[in-house]
PDB file of N, CA and C in Angstrom:
ATOM      1  N   UNK A   1      77.268 -32.963  24.738  1.00  0.00           N
ATOM      2  CA  UNK A   1      77.859 -33.399  25.984  1.00  0.00           C
ATOM      3  C   UNK A   1      77.200 -32.639  27.124  1.00  0.00           C
ATOM      4  N   UNK A   2      77.197 -33.246  28.272  1.00  0.00           N
ATOM      5  CA  UNK A   2      76.628 -32.627  29.470  1.00  0.00           C
ATOM      6  C   UNK A   2      77.754 -32.163  30.385  1.00  0.00           C
ATOM      7  N   UNK A   3      77.700 -30.903  30.780  1.00  0.00           N
ATOM      8  CA  UNK A   3      78.646 -30.339  31.739  1.00  0.00           C
ATOM      9  C   UNK A   3      77.853 -29.592  32.798  1.00  0.00           C
ATOM     10  N   UNK A   4      78.510 -29.260  33.872  1.00  0.00           N
ATOM     11  CA  UNK A   4      77.916 -28.397  34.895  1.00  0.00           C
ATOM     12  C   UNK A   4      78.562 -27.032  34.780  1.00  0.00           C
ATOM     13  N   UNK A   5      77.750 -26.000  34.651  1.00  0.00           N
ATOM     14  CA  UNK A   5      78.249 -24.629  34.672  1.00  0.00           C
ATOM     15  C   UNK A   5      77.648 -23.967  35.901  1.00  0.00           C
ATOM     16  N   UNK A   6      78.527 -23.599  36.817  1.00  0.00           N
ATOM     17  CA  UNK A   6      78.096 -23.038  38.103  1.00  0.00           C
ATOM     18  C   UNK A   6      77.037 -23.933  38.752  1.00  0.00           C
ATOM     19  N   UNK A   7      77.311 -25.220  38.729  1.00  0.00           N
ATOM     20  CA  UNK A   7      76.516 -26.263  39.384  1.00  0.00           C
ATOM     21  C   UNK A   7      75.153 -26.488  38.735  1.00  0.00           C
ATOM     22  N   UNK A   8      74.972 -25.987  37.507  1.00  0.00           N
ATOM     23  CA  UNK A   8      73.729 -26.201  36.768  1.00  0.00           C
ATOM     24  C   UNK A   8      74.031 -27.062  35.540  1.00  0.00           C
ATOM     25  N   UNK A   9      73.257 -28.119  35.303  1.00  0.00           N
ATOM     26  CA  UNK A   9      73.516 -28.959  34.133  1.00  0.00           C
ATOM     27  C   UNK A   9      73.222 -28.193  32.835  1.00  0.00           C
ATOM     28  N   UNK A  10      74.148 -28.328  31.895  1.00  0.00           N
ATOM     29  CA  UNK A  10      74.040 -27.650  30.604  1.00  0.00           C
ATOM     30  C   UNK A  10      74.459 -28.637  29.521  1.00  0.00           C
ATOM     31  N   UNK A  11      73.716 -28.635  28.426  1.00  0.00           N
ATOM     32  CA  UNK A  11      74.056 -29.454  27.263  1.00  0.00           C
ATOM     33  C   UNK A  11      74.816 -28.569  26.280  1.00  0.00           C
ATOM     34  N   UNK A  12      76.050 -28.965  25.950  1.00  0.00           N
ATOM     35  CA  UNK A  12      76.853 -28.270  24.960  1.00  0.00           C
ATOM     36  C   UNK A  12      77.173 -29.245  23.831  1.00  0.00           C
ATOM     37  N   UNK A  13      77.461 -28.741  22.640  1.00  0.00           N
ATOM     38  CA  UNK A  13      77.787 -29.642  21.537  1.00  0.00           C
ATOM     39  C   UNK A  13      79.121 -30.345  21.763  1.00  0.00           C
ATOM     40  N   UNK A  14      79.273 -31.524  21.185  1.00  0.00           N
ATOM     41  CA  UNK A  14      80.557 -32.224  21.255  1.00  0.00           C
ATOM     42  C   UNK A  14      81.639 -31.299  20.701  1.00  0.00           C
ATOM     43  N   UNK A  15      82.803 -31.318  21.327  1.00  0.00           N
ATOM     44  CA  UNK A  15      83.906 -30.474  20.898  1.00  0.00           C
ATOM     45  C   UNK A  15      83.843 -29.066  21.463  1.00  0.00           C
ATOM     46  N   UNK A  16      82.925 -28.820  22.389  1.00  0.00           N
ATOM     47  CA  UNK A  16      82.798 -27.486  22.986  1.00  0.00           C
ATOM     48  C   UNK A  16      84.059 -27.140  23.775  1.00  0.00           C
ATOM     49  N   UNK A  17      84.311 -25.841  23.875  1.00  0.00           N
ATOM     50  CA  UNK A  17      85.462 -25.334  24.603  1.00  0.00           C
ATOM     51  C   UNK A  17      84.997 -24.471  25.766  1.00  0.00           C
ATOM     52  N   UNK A  18      85.949 -24.016  26.555  1.00  0.00           N
ATOM     53  CA  UNK A  18      85.630 -23.099  27.647  1.00  0.00           C
ATOM     54  C   UNK A  18      84.969 -21.838  27.088  1.00  0.00           C
ATOM     55  N   UNK A  19      85.396 -21.380  25.918  1.00  0.00           N
ATOM     56  CA  UNK A  19      84.782 -20.208  25.298  1.00  0.00           C
ATOM     57  C   UNK A  19      83.291 -20.438  25.053  1.00  0.00           C
ATOM     58  N   UNK A  20      82.903 -21.648  24.662  1.00  0.00           N
ATOM     59  CA  UNK A  20      81.495 -21.960  24.451  1.00  0.00           C
ATOM     60  C   UNK A  20      80.720 -21.912  25.770  1.00  0.00           C
ATOM     61  N   UNK A  21      81.326 -22.398  26.844  1.00  0.00           N
ATOM     62  CA  UNK A  21      80.672 -22.360  28.155  1.00  0.00           C
ATOM     63  C   UNK A  21      80.488 -20.923  28.620  1.00  0.00           C
ATOM     64  N   UNK A  22      81.499 -20.096  28.403  1.00  0.00           N
ATOM     65  CA  UNK A  22      81.404 -18.687  28.781  1.00  0.00           C
ATOM     66  C   UNK A  22      80.315 -18.005  27.956  1.00  0.00           C
ATOM     67  N   UNK A  23      80.264 -18.293  26.661  1.00  0.00           N
ATOM     68  CA  UNK A  23      79.233 -17.698  25.800  1.00  0.00           C
ATOM     69  C   UNK A  23      77.837 -18.129  26.243  1.00  0.00           C
ATOM     70  N   UNK A  24      77.713 -19.367  26.717  1.00  0.00           N
ATOM     71  CA  UNK A  24      76.413 -19.860  27.168  1.00  0.00           C
ATOM     72  C   UNK A  24      75.906 -19.056  28.362  1.00  0.00           C
ATOM     73  N   UNK A  25      76.807 -18.759  29.296  1.00  0.00           N
ATOM     74  CA  UNK A  25      76.407 -18.036  30.500  1.00  0.00           C
ATOM     75  C   UNK A  25      76.411 -16.519  30.294  1.00  0.00           C
ATOM     76  N   UNK A  26      77.277 -16.033  29.396  1.00  0.00           N
ATOM     77  CA  UNK A  26      77.413 -14.602  29.092  1.00  0.00           C
ATOM     78  C   UNK A  26      77.573 -13.759  30.359  1.00  0.00           C
ATOM     79  N   UNK A  27      78.613 -14.039  31.151  1.00  0.00           N
ATOM     80  CA  UNK A  27      78.821 -13.259  32.384  1.00  0.00           C
ATOM     81  C   UNK A  27      79.291 -11.845  32.077  1.00  0.00           C
ATOM     82  N   UNK A  28      79.077 -10.961  33.020  1.00  0.00           N
ATOM     83  CA  UNK A  28      79.600  -9.607  32.886  1.00  0.00           C
ATOM     84  C   UNK A  28      81.020  -9.584  33.422  1.00  0.00           C
ATOM     85  N   UNK A  29      81.883  -8.865  32.741  1.00  0.00           N
ATOM     86  CA  UNK A  29      83.288  -8.781  33.141  1.00  0.00           C
ATOM     87  C   UNK A  29      83.398  -7.993  34.432  1.00  0.00           C
ATOM     88  N   UNK A  30      84.388  -8.196  35.238  1.00  0.00           N
ATOM     89  CA  UNK A  30      85.411  -9.223  35.128  1.00  0.00           C
ATOM     90  C   UNK A  30      84.943 -10.555  35.721  1.00  0.00           C
ATOM     91  N   UNK A  31      85.575 -11.627  35.280  1.00  0.00           N
ATOM     92  CA  UNK A  31      85.267 -12.944  35.813  1.00  0.00           C
ATOM     93  C   UNK A  31      86.471 -13.857  35.602  1.00  0.00           C
ATOM     94  N   UNK A  32      86.466 -14.970  36.305  1.00  0.00           N
ATOM     95  CA  UNK A  32      87.502 -15.993  36.159  1.00  0.00           C
ATOM     96  C   UNK A  32      86.811 -17.323  35.908  1.00  0.00           C
ATOM     97  N   UNK A  33      87.537 -18.244  35.286  1.00  0.00           N
ATOM     98  CA  UNK A  33      86.968 -19.552  34.955  1.00  0.00           C
ATOM     99  C   UNK A  33      87.875 -20.656  35.493  1.00  0.00           C
ATOM    100  N   UNK A  34      87.241 -21.672  36.069  1.00  0.00           N
ATOM    101  CA  UNK A  34      87.944 -22.879  36.484  1.00  0.00           C
ATOM    102  C   UNK A  34      87.199 -24.079  35.904  1.00  0.00           C
ATOM    103  N   UNK A  35      87.954 -25.061  35.459  1.00  0.00           N
ATOM    104  CA  UNK A  35      87.377 -26.318  34.976  1.00  0.00           C
ATOM    105  C   UNK A  35      87.914 -27.414  35.877  1.00  0.00           C
ATOM    106  N   UNK A  36      87.007 -28.120  36.527  1.00  0.00           N
ATOM    107  CA  UNK A  36      87.394 -29.171  37.466  1.00  0.00           C
ATOM    108  C   UNK A  36      88.400 -28.644  38.492  1.00  0.00           C
ATOM    109  N   UNK A  37      88.111 -27.445  38.993  1.00  0.00           N
ATOM    110  CA  UNK A  37      88.878 -26.763  40.041  1.00  0.00           C
ATOM    111  C   UNK A  37      90.244 -26.260  39.577  1.00  0.00           C
ATOM    112  N   UNK A  38      90.519 -26.271  38.267  1.00  0.00           N
ATOM    113  CA  UNK A  38      91.778 -25.772  37.728  1.00  0.00           C
ATOM    114  C   UNK A  38      91.516 -24.464  36.979  1.00  0.00           C
ATOM    115  N   UNK A  39      92.198 -23.390  37.403  1.00  0.00           N
ATOM    116  CA  UNK A  39      92.053 -22.088  36.762  1.00  0.00           C
ATOM    117  C   UNK A  39      92.423 -22.182  35.285  1.00  0.00           C
ATOM    118  N   UNK A  40      91.632 -21.516  34.435  1.00  0.00           N
ATOM    119  CA  UNK A  40      91.914 -21.447  33.003  1.00  0.00           C
ATOM    120  C   UNK A  40      92.079 -19.968  32.641  1.00  0.00           C
ATOM    121  N   UNK A  41      93.285 -19.566  32.171  1.00  0.00           N
ATOM    122  CA  UNK A  41      93.465 -18.162  31.792  1.00  0.00           C
ATOM    123  C   UNK A  41      92.638 -17.827  30.556  1.00  0.00           C
ATOM    124  N   UNK A  42      92.193 -16.573  30.456  1.00  0.00           N
ATOM    125  CA  UNK A  42      91.319 -16.199  29.346  1.00  0.00           C
ATOM    126  C   UNK A  42      91.978 -16.389  27.985  1.00  0.00           C
ATOM    127  N   UNK A  43      93.284 -16.390  27.924  1.00  0.00           N
ATOM    128  CA  UNK A  43      93.973 -16.624  26.656  1.00  0.00           C
ATOM    129  C   UNK A  43      93.802 -18.063  26.169  1.00  0.00           C
ATOM    130  N   UNK A  44      93.320 -18.960  27.037  1.00  0.00           N
ATOM    131  CA  UNK A  44      93.149 -20.378  26.681  1.00  0.00           C
ATOM    132  C   UNK A  44      91.691 -20.784  26.486  1.00  0.00           C
ATOM    133  N   UNK A  45      90.744 -19.875  26.655  1.00  0.00           N
ATOM    134  CA  UNK A  45      89.328 -20.250  26.577  1.00  0.00           C
ATOM    135  C   UNK A  45      88.982 -20.971  25.278  1.00  0.00           C
ATOM    136  N   UNK A  46      89.417 -20.440  24.140  1.00  0.00           N
ATOM    137  CA  UNK A  46      89.051 -21.028  22.843  1.00  0.00           C
ATOM    138  C   UNK A  46      89.771 -22.347  22.581  1.00  0.00           C
ATOM    139  N   UNK A  47      90.922 -22.553  23.214  1.00  0.00           N
ATOM    140  CA  UNK A  47      91.714 -23.758  22.968  1.00  0.00           C
ATOM    141  C   UNK A  47      91.474 -24.858  24.000  1.00  0.00           C
ATOM    142  N   UNK A  48      90.847 -24.524  25.117  1.00  0.00           N
ATOM    143  CA  UNK A  48      90.650 -25.489  26.206  1.00  0.00           C
ATOM    144  C   UNK A  48      89.390 -26.305  25.956  1.00  0.00           C
ATOM    145  N   UNK A  49      89.531 -27.581  25.553  1.00  0.00           N
ATOM    146  CA  UNK A  49      88.338 -28.393  25.294  1.00  0.00           C
ATOM    147  C   UNK A  49      87.661 -28.813  26.593  1.00  0.00           C
ATOM    148  N   UNK A  50      86.380 -29.061  26.481  1.00  0.00           N
ATOM    149  CA  UNK A  50      85.615 -29.606  27.599  1.00  0.00           C
ATOM    150  C   UNK A  50      85.280 -31.056  27.304  1.00  0.00           C
ATOM    151  N   UNK A  51      85.087 -31.821  28.346  1.00  0.00           N
ATOM    152  CA  UNK A  51      84.695 -33.225  28.212  1.00  0.00           C
ATOM    153  C   UNK A  51      83.379 -33.444  28.950  1.00  0.00           C
ATOM    154  N   UNK A  52      82.671 -34.462  28.540  1.00  0.00           N
ATOM    155  CA  UNK A  52      81.413 -34.807  29.197  1.00  0.00           C
ATOM    156  C   UNK A  52      81.643 -34.948  30.694  1.00  0.00           C
ATOM    157  N   UNK A  53      80.816 -34.289  31.480  1.00  0.00           N
ATOM    158  CA  UNK A  53      80.916 -34.371  32.936  1.00  0.00           C
ATOM    159  C   UNK A  53      81.802 -33.328  33.583  1.00  0.00           C
ATOM    160  N   UNK A  54      82.479 -32.498  32.785  1.00  0.00           N
ATOM    161  CA  UNK A  54      83.325 -31.457  33.377  1.00  0.00           C
ATOM    162  C   UNK A  54      82.490 -30.496  34.217  1.00  0.00           C
ATOM    163  N   UNK A  55      83.139 -29.930  35.218  1.00  0.00           N
ATOM    164  CA  UNK A  55      82.514 -28.929  36.077  1.00  0.00           C
ATOM    165  C   UNK A  55      83.181 -27.590  35.815  1.00  0.00           C
ATOM    166  N   UNK A  56      82.409 -26.651  35.283  1.00  0.00           N
ATOM    167  CA  UNK A  56      82.918 -25.327  34.938  1.00  0.00           C
ATOM    168  C   UNK A  56      82.369 -24.333  35.953  1.00  0.00           C
ATOM    169  N   UNK A  57      83.255 -23.546  36.525  1.00  0.00           N
ATOM    170  CA  UNK A  57      82.846 -22.480  37.438  1.00  0.00           C
ATOM    171  C   UNK A  57      83.255 -21.155  36.821  1.00  0.00           C
ATOM    172  N   UNK A  58      82.293 -20.267  36.650  1.00  0.00           N
ATOM    173  CA  UNK A  58      82.538 -18.926  36.157  1.00  0.00           C
ATOM    174  C   UNK A  58      82.244 -18.001  37.318  1.00  0.00           C
ATOM    175  N   UNK A  59      83.299 -17.339  37.802  1.00  0.00           N
ATOM    176  CA  UNK A  59      83.246 -16.664  39.087  1.00  0.00           C
ATOM    177  C   UNK A  59      83.543 -15.176  38.926  1.00  0.00           C
ATOM    178  N   UNK A  60      82.692 -14.333  39.484  1.00  0.00           N
ATOM    179  CA  UNK A  60      82.957 -12.895  39.527  1.00  0.00           C
ATOM    180  C   UNK A  60      83.714 -12.598  40.826  1.00  0.00           C
ATOM    181  N   UNK A  61      84.674 -11.670  40.766  1.00  0.00           N
ATOM    182  CA  UNK A  61      85.395 -11.332  41.997  1.00  0.00           C
ATOM    183  C   UNK A  61      84.470 -10.660  43.004  1.00  0.00           C
ATOM    184  N   UNK A  62      84.795 -10.854  44.273  1.00  0.00           N
ATOM    185  CA  UNK A  62      84.023 -10.263  45.371  1.00  0.00           C
ATOM    186  C   UNK A  62      84.943  -9.374  46.165  1.00  0.00           C
ATOM    187  N   UNK A  63      84.468  -8.184  46.491  1.00  0.00           N
ATOM    188  CA  UNK A  63      85.270  -7.282  47.312  1.00  0.00           C
ATOM    189  C   UNK A  63      84.562  -7.052  48.634  1.00  0.00           C
ATOM    190  N   UNK A  64      85.313  -6.572  49.562  1.00  0.00           N
ATOM    191  CA  UNK A  64      84.733  -6.292  50.866  1.00  0.00           C
ATOM    192  C   UNK A  64      85.682  -6.713  51.960  1.00  0.00           C
ATOM    193  N   UNK A  65      85.247  -6.512  53.172  1.00  0.00           N
ATOM    194  CA  UNK A  65      86.163  -6.812  54.249  1.00  0.00           C
ATOM    195  C   UNK A  65      85.555  -7.563  55.359  1.00  0.00           C
TER     196      UNK A  65
END
């Protein structure tokens, strides 16, 4: 299936989950994940399926003023 991870097209296997998308990008902690603009808690990464065309954003927090 084709999804966008941080606005970049990525091919993942059918049945992929948010955990697979995170593993593909391998971000450094801490980070947050949203699928189609909906926050996904880290406790749901392995259970949250992805569908063809989903938009996944893996976001690191930003500090400053």
